[in-house]
Amino acid sequence: MKDDGIQKAAILMLALGEEEASEVMKFLGPREVLKLGAAMAQMKAVQHNDVVKVLEAFVEETNLHSTVGLDSDEYIRQVLTKA
């Protein structure tokens, strides 16, 4: 993972919550878990706007590479409302 990607992944994992993040990490290799865990530990305070940008980018990327029919506008609106 690249540094920028690691930072974004760390923000995403922190936004997901403990249970969901641990489920995602089960699919990573040991080195990836170490890098991601270290990046998460270094995060002191993540600005709300940064979380929103990462979540929006994740949804956009998912829509590009997934056959799952997500209504991204509605999903983003719900995520932002709950954040």
PDB file of N, CA and C in Angstrom:
ATOM      1  N   MET A   1       0.843  -1.181   0.000  1.00  0.00           N
ATOM      2  CA  MET A   1       0.000   0.000   0.000  1.00  0.00           C
ATOM      3  C   MET A   1       0.886   1.241   0.000  1.00  0.00           C
ATOM      4  N   LYS A   2       0.484   2.234  -0.761  1.00  0.00           N
ATOM      5  CA  LYS A   2       1.213   3.493  -0.771  1.00  0.00           C
ATOM      6  C   LYS A   2       0.838   4.293   0.466  1.00  0.00           C
ATOM      7  N   ASP A   3       1.715   5.278   0.818  1.00  0.00           N
ATOM      8  CA  ASP A   3       1.471   6.067   2.029  1.00  0.00           C
ATOM      9  C   ASP A   3       0.118   6.766   2.005  1.00  0.00           C
ATOM     10  N   ASP A   4      -0.235   7.398   0.887  1.00  0.00           N
ATOM     11  CA  ASP A   4      -1.518   8.079   0.797  1.00  0.00           C
ATOM     12  C   ASP A   4      -2.653   7.070   0.933  1.00  0.00           C
ATOM     13  N   GLY A   5      -2.486   5.931   0.311  1.00  0.00           N
ATOM     14  CA  GLY A   5      -3.488   4.876   0.417  1.00  0.00           C
ATOM     15  C   GLY A   5      -3.607   4.343   1.830  1.00  0.00           C
ATOM     16  N   ILE A   6      -2.491   4.240   2.518  1.00  0.00           N
ATOM     17  CA  ILE A   6      -2.503   3.765   3.905  1.00  0.00           C
ATOM     18  C   ILE A   6      -3.253   4.755   4.786  1.00  0.00           C
ATOM     19  N   GLN A   7      -3.005   6.043   4.580  1.00  0.00           N
ATOM     20  CA  GLN A   7      -3.697   7.060   5.372  1.00  0.00           C
ATOM     21  C   GLN A   7      -5.201   7.011   5.133  1.00  0.00           C
ATOM     22  N   LYS A   8      -5.579   6.877   3.865  1.00  0.00           N
ATOM     23  CA  LYS A   8      -7.006   6.795   3.539  1.00  0.00           C
ATOM     24  C   LYS A   8      -7.622   5.533   4.131  1.00  0.00           C
ATOM     25  N   ALA A   9      -6.900   4.418   4.031  1.00  0.00           N
ATOM     26  CA  ALA A   9      -7.398   3.165   4.596  1.00  0.00           C
ATOM     27  C   ALA A   9      -7.538   3.269   6.111  1.00  0.00           C
ATOM     28  N   ALA A  10      -6.603   3.932   6.756  1.00  0.00           N
ATOM     29  CA  ALA A  10      -6.665   4.106   8.209  1.00  0.00           C
ATOM     30  C   ALA A  10      -7.897   4.927   8.593  1.00  0.00           C
ATOM     31  N   ILE A  11      -8.153   5.981   7.854  1.00  0.00           N
ATOM     32  CA  ILE A  11      -9.336   6.803   8.119  1.00  0.00           C
ATOM     33  C   ILE A  11     -10.600   5.980   7.912  1.00  0.00           C
ATOM     34  N   LEU A  12     -10.630   5.208   6.836  1.00  0.00           N
ATOM     35  CA  LEU A  12     -11.790   4.366   6.562  1.00  0.00           C
ATOM     36  C   LEU A  12     -12.004   3.344   7.683  1.00  0.00           C
ATOM     37  N   MET A  13     -10.942   2.704   8.131  1.00  0.00           N
ATOM     38  CA  MET A  13     -11.049   1.713   9.196  1.00  0.00           C
ATOM     39  C   MET A  13     -11.557   2.353  10.490  1.00  0.00           C
ATOM     40  N   LEU A  14     -11.065   3.534  10.799  1.00  0.00           N
ATOM     41  CA  LEU A  14     -11.514   4.228  12.002  1.00  0.00           C
ATOM     42  C   LEU A  14     -12.988   4.630  11.878  1.00  0.00           C
ATOM     43  N   ALA A  15     -13.398   4.995  10.674  1.00  0.00           N
ATOM     44  CA  ALA A  15     -14.791   5.389  10.449  1.00  0.00           C
ATOM     45  C   ALA A  15     -15.729   4.180  10.522  1.00  0.00           C
ATOM     46  N   LEU A  16     -15.234   3.006  10.134  1.00  0.00           N
ATOM     47  CA  LEU A  16     -16.061   1.806  10.136  1.00  0.00           C
ATOM     48  C   LEU A  16     -16.457   1.366  11.541  1.00  0.00           C
ATOM     49  N   GLY A  17     -15.554   1.524  12.462  1.00  0.00           N
ATOM     50  CA  GLY A  17     -15.800   1.028  13.811  1.00  0.00           C
ATOM     51  C   GLY A  17     -15.052  -0.274  14.047  1.00  0.00           C
ATOM     52  N   GLU A  18     -14.972  -0.642  15.296  1.00  0.00           N
ATOM     53  CA  GLU A  18     -14.144  -1.774  15.730  1.00  0.00           C
ATOM     54  C   GLU A  18     -14.528  -3.101  15.077  1.00  0.00           C
ATOM     55  N   GLU A  19     -15.784  -3.468  15.123  1.00  0.00           N
ATOM     56  CA  GLU A  19     -16.215  -4.764  14.595  1.00  0.00           C
ATOM     57  C   GLU A  19     -15.992  -4.876  13.088  1.00  0.00           C
ATOM     58  N   GLU A  20     -16.446  -3.861  12.356  1.00  0.00           N
ATOM     59  CA  GLU A  20     -16.338  -3.897  10.903  1.00  0.00           C
ATOM     60  C   GLU A  20     -14.880  -3.821  10.452  1.00  0.00           C
ATOM     61  N   ALA A  21     -14.093  -2.975  11.111  1.00  0.00           N
ATOM     62  CA  ALA A  21     -12.679  -2.853  10.753  1.00  0.00           C
ATOM     63  C   ALA A  21     -11.943  -4.179  10.982  1.00  0.00           C
ATOM     64  N   SER A  22     -12.266  -4.867  12.065  1.00  0.00           N
ATOM     65  CA  SER A  22     -11.600  -6.144  12.333  1.00  0.00           C
ATOM     66  C   SER A  22     -11.989  -7.184  11.287  1.00  0.00           C
ATOM     67  N   GLU A  23     -13.222  -7.133  10.800  1.00  0.00           N
ATOM     68  CA  GLU A  23     -13.641  -8.047   9.734  1.00  0.00           C
ATOM     69  C   GLU A  23     -12.867  -7.779   8.447  1.00  0.00           C
ATOM     70  N   VAL A  24     -12.663  -6.515   8.119  1.00  0.00           N
ATOM     71  CA  VAL A  24     -11.905  -6.158   6.917  1.00  0.00           C
ATOM     72  C   VAL A  24     -10.460  -6.621   7.049  1.00  0.00           C
ATOM     73  N   MET A  25      -9.879  -6.429   8.218  1.00  0.00           N
ATOM     74  CA  MET A  25      -8.475  -6.779   8.415  1.00  0.00           C
ATOM     75  C   MET A  25      -8.204  -8.272   8.287  1.00  0.00           C
ATOM     76  N   LYS A  26      -9.234  -9.080   8.443  1.00  0.00           N
ATOM     77  CA  LYS A  26      -9.065 -10.524   8.277  1.00  0.00           C
ATOM     78  C   LYS A  26      -8.638 -10.882   6.852  1.00  0.00           C
ATOM     79  N   PHE A  27      -8.892  -9.992   5.914  1.00  0.00           N
ATOM     80  CA  PHE A  27      -8.551 -10.237   4.514  1.00  0.00           C
ATOM     81  C   PHE A  27      -7.179  -9.693   4.137  1.00  0.00           C
ATOM     82  N   LEU A  28      -6.478  -9.068   5.077  1.00  0.00           N
ATOM     83  CA  LEU A  28      -5.167  -8.487   4.809  1.00  0.00           C
ATOM     84  C   LEU A  28      -4.060  -9.426   5.259  1.00  0.00           C
ATOM     85  N   GLY A  29      -2.902  -9.252   4.647  1.00  0.00           N
ATOM     86  CA  GLY A  29      -1.737 -10.010   5.063  1.00  0.00           C
ATOM     87  C   GLY A  29      -1.122  -9.390   6.305  1.00  0.00           C
ATOM     88  N   PRO A  30      -0.214 -10.107   6.958  1.00  0.00           N
ATOM     89  CA  PRO A  30       0.409  -9.617   8.196  1.00  0.00           C
ATOM     90  C   PRO A  30       1.096  -8.261   8.044  1.00  0.00           C
ATOM     91  N   ARG A  31       1.822  -8.065   6.950  1.00  0.00           N
ATOM     92  CA  ARG A  31       2.503  -6.774   6.745  1.00  0.00           C
ATOM     93  C   ARG A  31       1.514  -5.640   6.561  1.00  0.00           C
ATOM     94  N   GLU A  32       0.439  -5.930   5.821  1.00  0.00           N
ATOM     95  CA  GLU A  32      -0.584  -4.908   5.599  1.00  0.00           C
ATOM     96  C   GLU A  32      -1.279  -4.535   6.917  1.00  0.00           C
ATOM     97  N   VAL A  33      -1.535  -5.529   7.739  1.00  0.00           N
ATOM     98  CA  VAL A  33      -2.157  -5.270   9.039  1.00  0.00           C
ATOM     99  C   VAL A  33      -1.237  -4.406   9.897  1.00  0.00           C
ATOM    100  N   LEU A  34       0.044  -4.707   9.895  1.00  0.00           N
ATOM    101  CA  LEU A  34       0.997  -3.912  10.675  1.00  0.00           C
ATOM    102  C   LEU A  34       1.053  -2.472  10.183  1.00  0.00           C
ATOM    103  N   LYS A  35       1.161  -2.291   8.873  1.00  0.00           N
ATOM    104  CA  LYS A  35       1.223  -0.934   8.319  1.00  0.00           C
ATOM    105  C   LYS A  35      -0.050  -0.159   8.602  1.00  0.00           C
ATOM    106  N   LEU A  36      -1.178  -0.808   8.386  1.00  0.00           N
ATOM    107  CA  LEU A  36      -2.460  -0.148   8.599  1.00  0.00           C
ATOM    108  C   LEU A  36      -2.676   0.135  10.081  1.00  0.00           C
ATOM    109  N   GLY A  37      -2.349  -0.805  10.927  1.00  0.00           N
ATOM    110  CA  GLY A  37      -2.477  -0.600  12.369  1.00  0.00           C
ATOM    111  C   GLY A  37      -1.614   0.547  12.862  1.00  0.00           C
ATOM    112  N   ALA A  38      -0.394   0.642  12.336  1.00  0.00           N
ATOM    113  CA  ALA A  38       0.491   1.743  12.720  1.00  0.00           C
ATOM    114  C   ALA A  38      -0.078   3.083  12.259  1.00  0.00           C
ATOM    115  N   ALA A  39      -0.615   3.121  11.043  1.00  0.00           N
ATOM    116  CA  ALA A  39      -1.214   4.355  10.533  1.00  0.00           C
ATOM    117  C   ALA A  39      -2.425   4.751  11.372  1.00  0.00           C
ATOM    118  N   MET A  40      -3.232   3.778  11.765  1.00  0.00           N
ATOM    119  CA  MET A  40      -4.392   4.070  12.600  1.00  0.00           C
ATOM    120  C   MET A  40      -3.959   4.604  13.962  1.00  0.00           C
ATOM    121  N   ALA A  41      -2.899   4.030  14.522  1.00  0.00           N
ATOM    122  CA  ALA A  41      -2.406   4.457  15.833  1.00  0.00           C
ATOM    123  C   ALA A  41      -1.858   5.877  15.800  1.00  0.00           C
ATOM    124  N   GLN A  42      -1.329   6.279  14.658  1.00  0.00           N
ATOM    125  CA  GLN A  42      -0.756   7.619  14.529  1.00  0.00           C
ATOM    126  C   GLN A  42      -1.814   8.696  14.335  1.00  0.00           C
ATOM    127  N   MET A  43      -3.018   8.297  13.979  1.00  0.00           N
ATOM    128  CA  MET A  43      -4.095   9.268  13.769  1.00  0.00           C
ATOM    129  C   MET A  43      -4.507   9.829  15.125  1.00  0.00           C
ATOM    130  N   LYS A  44      -4.309  11.091  15.310  1.00  0.00           N
ATOM    131  CA  LYS A  44      -4.694  11.719  16.582  1.00  0.00           C
ATOM    132  C   LYS A  44      -6.116  12.263  16.491  1.00  0.00           C
ATOM    133  N   ALA A  45      -6.320  13.182  15.587  1.00  0.00           N
ATOM    134  CA  ALA A  45      -7.648  13.761  15.385  1.00  0.00           C
ATOM    135  C   ALA A  45      -7.851  13.919  13.888  1.00  0.00           C
ATOM    136  N   VAL A  46      -8.852  13.269  13.372  1.00  0.00           N
ATOM    137  CA  VAL A  46      -9.144  13.341  11.944  1.00  0.00           C
ATOM    138  C   VAL A  46     -10.287  14.326  11.757  1.00  0.00           C
ATOM    139  N   GLN A  47     -10.063  15.288  10.887  1.00  0.00           N
ATOM    140  CA  GLN A  47     -11.084  16.289  10.617  1.00  0.00           C
ATOM    141  C   GLN A  47     -12.287  15.635   9.945  1.00  0.00           C
ATOM    142  N   HIS A  48     -13.468  16.118  10.265  1.00  0.00           N
ATOM    143  CA  HIS A  48     -14.704  15.595   9.687  1.00  0.00           C
ATOM    144  C   HIS A  48     -14.657  15.652   8.166  1.00  0.00           C
ATOM    145  N   ASN A  49     -14.152  16.741   7.612  1.00  0.00           N
ATOM    146  CA  ASN A  49     -14.065  16.878   6.155  1.00  0.00           C
ATOM    147  C   ASN A  49     -13.173  15.808   5.533  1.00  0.00           C
ATOM    148  N   ASP A  50     -12.110  15.431   6.228  1.00  0.00           N
ATOM    149  CA  ASP A  50     -11.221  14.385   5.720  1.00  0.00           C
ATOM    150  C   ASP A  50     -11.932  13.033   5.692  1.00  0.00           C
ATOM    151  N   VAL A  51     -12.724  12.761   6.715  1.00  0.00           N
ATOM    152  CA  VAL A  51     -13.492  11.515   6.752  1.00  0.00           C
ATOM    153  C   VAL A  51     -14.495  11.495   5.602  1.00  0.00           C
ATOM    154  N   VAL A  52     -15.168  12.608   5.400  1.00  0.00           N
ATOM    155  CA  VAL A  52     -16.158  12.702   4.324  1.00  0.00           C
ATOM    156  C   VAL A  52     -15.497  12.473   2.972  1.00  0.00           C
ATOM    157  N   LYS A  53     -14.343  13.086   2.738  1.00  0.00           N
ATOM    158  CA  LYS A  53     -13.636  12.918   1.465  1.00  0.00           C
ATOM    159  C   LYS A  53     -13.246  11.455   1.238  1.00  0.00           C
ATOM    160  N   VAL A  54     -12.748  10.796   2.266  1.00  0.00           N
ATOM    161  CA  VAL A  54     -12.346   9.391   2.148  1.00  0.00           C
ATOM    162  C   VAL A  54     -13.567   8.522   1.868  1.00  0.00           C
ATOM    163  N   LEU A  55     -14.655   8.760   2.571  1.00  0.00           N
ATOM    164  CA  LEU A  55     -15.869   7.972   2.349  1.00  0.00           C
ATOM    165  C   LEU A  55     -16.429   8.196   0.947  1.00  0.00           C
ATOM    166  N   GLU A  56     -16.425   9.435   0.490  1.00  0.00           N
ATOM    167  CA  GLU A  56     -16.912   9.726  -0.858  1.00  0.00           C
ATOM    168  C   GLU A  56     -16.040   9.055  -1.913  1.00  0.00           C
ATOM    169  N   ALA A  57     -14.720   9.108  -1.715  1.00  0.00           N
ATOM    170  CA  ALA A  57     -13.798   8.471  -2.657  1.00  0.00           C
ATOM    171  C   ALA A  57     -13.999   6.954  -2.661  1.00  0.00           C
ATOM    172  N   PHE A  58     -14.232   6.381  -1.491  1.00  0.00           N
ATOM    173  CA  PHE A  58     -14.474   4.945  -1.382  1.00  0.00           C
ATOM    174  C   PHE A  58     -15.738   4.548  -2.150  1.00  0.00           C
ATOM    175  N   VAL A  59     -16.801   5.299  -1.959  1.00  0.00           N
ATOM    176  CA  VAL A  59     -18.056   5.003  -2.649  1.00  0.00           C
ATOM    177  C   VAL A  59     -17.876   5.156  -4.156  1.00  0.00           C
ATOM    178  N   GLU A  60     -17.186   6.199  -4.567  1.00  0.00           N
ATOM    179  CA  GLU A  60     -16.948   6.416  -5.997  1.00  0.00           C
ATOM    180  C   GLU A  60     -16.137   5.271  -6.601  1.00  0.00           C
ATOM    181  N   GLU A  61     -15.098   4.873  -5.919  1.00  0.00           N
ATOM    182  CA  GLU A  61     -14.254   3.770  -6.391  1.00  0.00           C
ATOM    183  C   GLU A  61     -15.037   2.464  -6.416  1.00  0.00           C
ATOM    184  N   THR A  62     -15.845   2.238  -5.409  1.00  0.00           N
ATOM    185  CA  THR A  62     -16.670   1.035  -5.354  1.00  0.00           C
ATOM    186  C   THR A  62     -17.648   1.000  -6.521  1.00  0.00           C
ATOM    187  N   ASN A  63     -18.246   2.126  -6.814  1.00  0.00           N
ATOM    188  CA  ASN A  63     -19.192   2.191  -7.933  1.00  0.00           C
ATOM    189  C   ASN A  63     -18.513   1.902  -9.266  1.00  0.00           C
ATOM    190  N   LEU A  64     -17.272   2.319  -9.401  1.00  0.00           N
ATOM    191  CA  LEU A  64     -16.533   2.089 -10.646  1.00  0.00           C
ATOM    192  C   LEU A  64     -16.154   0.619 -10.840  1.00  0.00           C
ATOM    193  N   HIS A  65     -15.903  -0.070  -9.738  1.00  0.00           N
ATOM    194  CA  HIS A  65     -15.370  -1.429  -9.817  1.00  0.00           C
ATOM    195  C   HIS A  65     -16.303  -2.491  -9.271  1.00  0.00           C
ATOM    196  N   SER A  66     -17.554  -2.173  -9.121  1.00  0.00           N
ATOM    197  CA  SER A  66     -18.484  -3.127  -8.542  1.00  0.00           C
ATOM    198  C   SER A  66     -19.741  -3.204  -9.380  1.00  0.00           C
ATOM    199  N   THR A  67     -20.318  -4.375  -9.380  1.00  0.00           N
ATOM    200  CA  THR A  67     -21.599  -4.539 -10.059  1.00  0.00           C
ATOM    201  C   THR A  67     -22.756  -4.298  -9.104  1.00  0.00           C
ATOM    202  N   VAL A  68     -22.433  -4.014  -7.848  1.00  0.00           N
ATOM    203  CA  VAL A  68     -23.460  -3.730  -6.870  1.00  0.00           C
ATOM    204  C   VAL A  68     -24.091  -2.388  -7.222  1.00  0.00           C
ATOM    205  N   GLY A  69     -25.382  -2.345  -7.338  1.00  0.00           N
ATOM    206  CA  GLY A  69     -26.080  -1.128  -7.726  1.00  0.00           C
ATOM    207  C   GLY A  69     -26.354  -0.223  -6.549  1.00  0.00           C
ATOM    208  N   LEU A  70     -25.356   0.564  -6.168  1.00  0.00           N
ATOM    209  CA  LEU A  70     -25.539   1.496  -5.065  1.00  0.00           C
ATOM    210  C   LEU A  70     -26.031   2.834  -5.587  1.00  0.00           C
ATOM    211  N   ASP A  71     -26.944   3.433  -4.882  1.00  0.00           N
ATOM    212  CA  ASP A  71     -27.340   4.804  -5.172  1.00  0.00           C
ATOM    213  C   ASP A  71     -26.374   5.680  -4.384  1.00  0.00           C
ATOM    214  N   SER A  72     -25.269   6.060  -4.999  1.00  0.00           N
ATOM    215  CA  SER A  72     -24.190   6.723  -4.276  1.00  0.00           C
ATOM    216  C   SER A  72     -24.620   8.039  -3.652  1.00  0.00           C
ATOM    217  N   ASP A  73     -25.460   8.816  -4.333  1.00  0.00           N
ATOM    218  CA  ASP A  73     -25.897  10.085  -3.756  1.00  0.00           C
ATOM    219  C   ASP A  73     -26.651   9.859  -2.452  1.00  0.00           C
ATOM    220  N   GLU A  74     -27.560   8.902  -2.462  1.00  0.00           N
ATOM    221  CA  GLU A  74     -28.338   8.610  -1.264  1.00  0.00           C
ATOM    222  C   GLU A  74     -27.437   8.035  -0.172  1.00  0.00           C
ATOM    223  N   TYR A  75     -26.527   7.142  -0.545  1.00  0.00           N
ATOM    224  CA  TYR A  75     -25.612   6.539   0.425  1.00  0.00           C
ATOM    225  C   TYR A  75     -24.750   7.607   1.078  1.00  0.00           C
ATOM    226  N   ILE A  76     -24.171   8.471   0.280  1.00  0.00           N
ATOM    227  CA  ILE A  76     -23.313   9.530   0.821  1.00  0.00           C
ATOM    228  C   ILE A  76     -24.124  10.441   1.736  1.00  0.00           C
ATOM    229  N   ARG A  77     -25.332  10.764   1.336  1.00  0.00           N
ATOM    230  CA  ARG A  77     -26.186  11.617   2.156  1.00  0.00           C
ATOM    231  C   ARG A  77     -26.442  10.947   3.512  1.00  0.00           C
ATOM    232  N   GLN A  78     -26.713   9.647   3.512  1.00  0.00           N
ATOM    233  CA  GLN A  78     -26.959   8.929   4.755  1.00  0.00           C
ATOM    234  C   GLN A  78     -25.712   8.868   5.622  1.00  0.00           C
ATOM    235  N   VAL A  79     -24.555   8.620   4.999  1.00  0.00           N
ATOM    236  CA  VAL A  79     -23.299   8.555   5.758  1.00  0.00           C
ATOM    237  C   VAL A  79     -23.014   9.907   6.405  1.00  0.00           C
ATOM    238  N   LEU A  80     -23.182  10.972   5.636  1.00  0.00           N
ATOM    239  CA  LEU A  80     -22.900  12.306   6.160  1.00  0.00           C
ATOM    240  C   LEU A  80     -23.885  12.682   7.261  1.00  0.00           C
ATOM    241  N   THR A  81     -25.108  12.259   7.133  1.00  0.00           N
ATOM    242  CA  THR A  81     -26.115  12.544   8.148  1.00  0.00           C
ATOM    243  C   THR A  81     -25.778  11.831   9.457  1.00  0.00           C
ATOM    244  N   LYS A  82     -25.306  10.582   9.337  1.00  0.00           N
ATOM    245  CA  LYS A  82     -24.985   9.800  10.520  1.00  0.00           C
ATOM    246  C   LYS A  82     -23.655  10.199  11.150  1.00  0.00           C
ATOM    247  N   ALA A  83     -22.779  10.847  10.392  1.00  0.00           N
ATOM    248  CA  ALA A  83     -21.430  11.197  10.870  1.00  0.00           C
ATOM    249  C   ALA A  83     -21.468  12.322  11.901  1.00  0.00           C
TER     250      ALA A  83
END
